[in-house]
Amino acid sequence: MGMVSYTFETLPPVSKEDWERIDAVKDENIDYSDIPEMKDLSGLRPRQVRELKKPEKVPVSCNLDADIVEWLKQDGDGYQTRLNSILRQAMAHAQ
């Protein structure tokens, strides 16, 4: 089975039955073990939080198949950000 990825805009709708099932789960039955501990960032403004998480960008030149570039650009500006996101997900999956 391949990796499935959604954006906020492409998430499938959540049914009333789904919400009822989610609401029925008790907090003590939720497994949080795969979620990293969150530092207290409550005193920071959103921009400051983003800057803390922002990794260094490194310019790279590479050759990609034309159909891949066309696919990345089909949604307009931001194709490099989309490519970075795809590669980050692949890296996380490989780890």
Protein backbone atom coordinates (compact mmCIF):
# COMPACT_ATOMS: atom_id res chain seq x y z
CA MET A 1 0.00 0.00 0.00
CA GLY A 2 1.37 3.42 -0.96
CA MET A 3 1.61 6.52 1.17
CA VAL A 4 -1.56 8.62 1.31
CA SER A 5 -1.30 12.33 1.92
CA TYR A 6 -3.98 14.99 2.27
CA THR A 7 -4.00 18.75 2.48
CA PHE A 8 -6.68 20.62 4.36
CA GLU A 9 -8.43 21.27 1.05
CA THR A 10 -8.39 17.61 -0.09
CA LEU A 11 -9.45 15.92 3.15
CA PRO A 12 -12.48 13.69 2.65
CA PRO A 13 -15.61 14.86 4.48
CA VAL A 14 -16.18 13.56 8.01
CA SER A 15 -19.58 11.97 8.50
CA LYS A 16 -21.84 12.41 11.52
CA GLU A 17 -21.16 8.77 12.42
CA ASP A 18 -17.40 9.44 12.32
CA TRP A 19 -17.78 12.37 14.74
CA GLU A 20 -19.95 10.28 17.05
CA ARG A 21 -17.35 7.50 17.06
CA ILE A 22 -14.59 10.04 17.78
CA ASP A 23 -16.62 11.67 20.57
CA ALA A 24 -17.15 8.27 22.18
CA VAL A 25 -13.39 7.73 22.69
CA LYS A 26 -12.28 8.56 26.24
CA ASP A 27 -9.13 10.64 26.68
CA GLU A 28 -7.44 7.94 28.74
CA ASN A 29 -7.81 5.49 25.82
CA ILE A 30 -5.92 7.68 23.34
CA ASP A 31 -2.36 6.55 22.57
CA TYR A 32 -0.10 9.60 22.39
CA SER A 33 3.17 7.64 22.36
CA ASP A 34 4.01 8.51 18.74
CA ILE A 35 3.56 12.27 19.26
CA PRO A 36 6.71 14.17 20.31
CA GLU A 37 6.58 16.14 23.56
CA MET A 38 5.57 19.73 22.91
CA LYS A 39 7.50 22.57 24.46
CA ASP A 40 5.55 25.44 25.94
CA LEU A 41 5.38 27.97 23.12
CA SER A 42 2.41 29.86 24.56
CA GLY A 43 4.34 33.11 24.99
CA LEU A 44 5.43 33.27 21.36
CA ARG A 45 3.63 34.85 18.45
CA PRO A 46 2.83 32.52 15.49
CA ARG A 47 5.61 34.01 13.35
CA GLN A 48 8.17 33.30 16.09
CA VAL A 49 6.98 29.70 16.38
CA ARG A 50 7.35 29.23 12.60
CA GLU A 51 10.86 30.69 12.71
CA LEU A 52 11.86 28.23 15.45
CA LYS A 53 10.79 25.31 13.27
CA LYS A 54 12.05 26.69 9.96
CA PRO A 55 14.97 24.57 8.70
CA GLU A 56 17.78 26.12 6.71
CA LYS A 57 17.13 26.13 2.95
CA VAL A 58 19.92 25.01 0.62
CA PRO A 59 19.78 25.78 -3.10
CA VAL A 60 20.01 22.60 -5.18
CA SER A 61 20.09 21.94 -8.89
CA CYS A 62 18.79 18.63 -10.18
CA ASN A 63 17.25 17.15 -13.29
CA LEU A 64 13.71 15.81 -12.97
CA ASP A 65 11.50 14.09 -15.51
CA ALA A 66 9.36 16.62 -17.38
CA ASP A 67 6.10 14.92 -16.38
CA ILE A 68 7.01 15.17 -12.70
CA VAL A 69 7.74 18.89 -12.99
CA GLU A 70 4.48 19.39 -14.90
CA TRP A 71 2.57 17.54 -12.18
CA LEU A 72 4.21 19.62 -9.43
CA LYS A 73 3.41 22.87 -11.26
CA GLN A 74 -0.21 21.99 -12.10
CA ASP A 75 -1.49 23.72 -8.95
CA GLY A 76 0.44 26.92 -9.67
CA ASP A 77 2.99 28.68 -7.51
CA GLY A 78 4.54 26.78 -4.65
CA TYR A 79 5.73 23.74 -6.59
CA GLN A 80 9.12 23.82 -4.85
CA THR A 81 7.39 23.85 -1.47
CA ARG A 82 5.25 20.89 -2.60
CA LEU A 83 8.35 19.01 -3.73
CA ASN A 84 10.03 19.74 -0.38
CA SER A 85 6.95 18.45 1.46
CA ILE A 86 6.88 15.25 -0.61
CA LEU A 87 10.58 14.64 0.05
CA ARG A 88 10.15 15.38 3.78
CA GLN A 89 7.31 12.81 3.99
CA ALA A 90 9.46 10.24 2.16
CA MET A 91 12.34 10.94 4.55
CA ALA A 92 10.09 10.56 7.62
CA HIS A 93 8.66 7.33 6.21
CA ALA A 94 12.16 5.94 5.58
CA GLN A 95 13.25 6.71 9.14
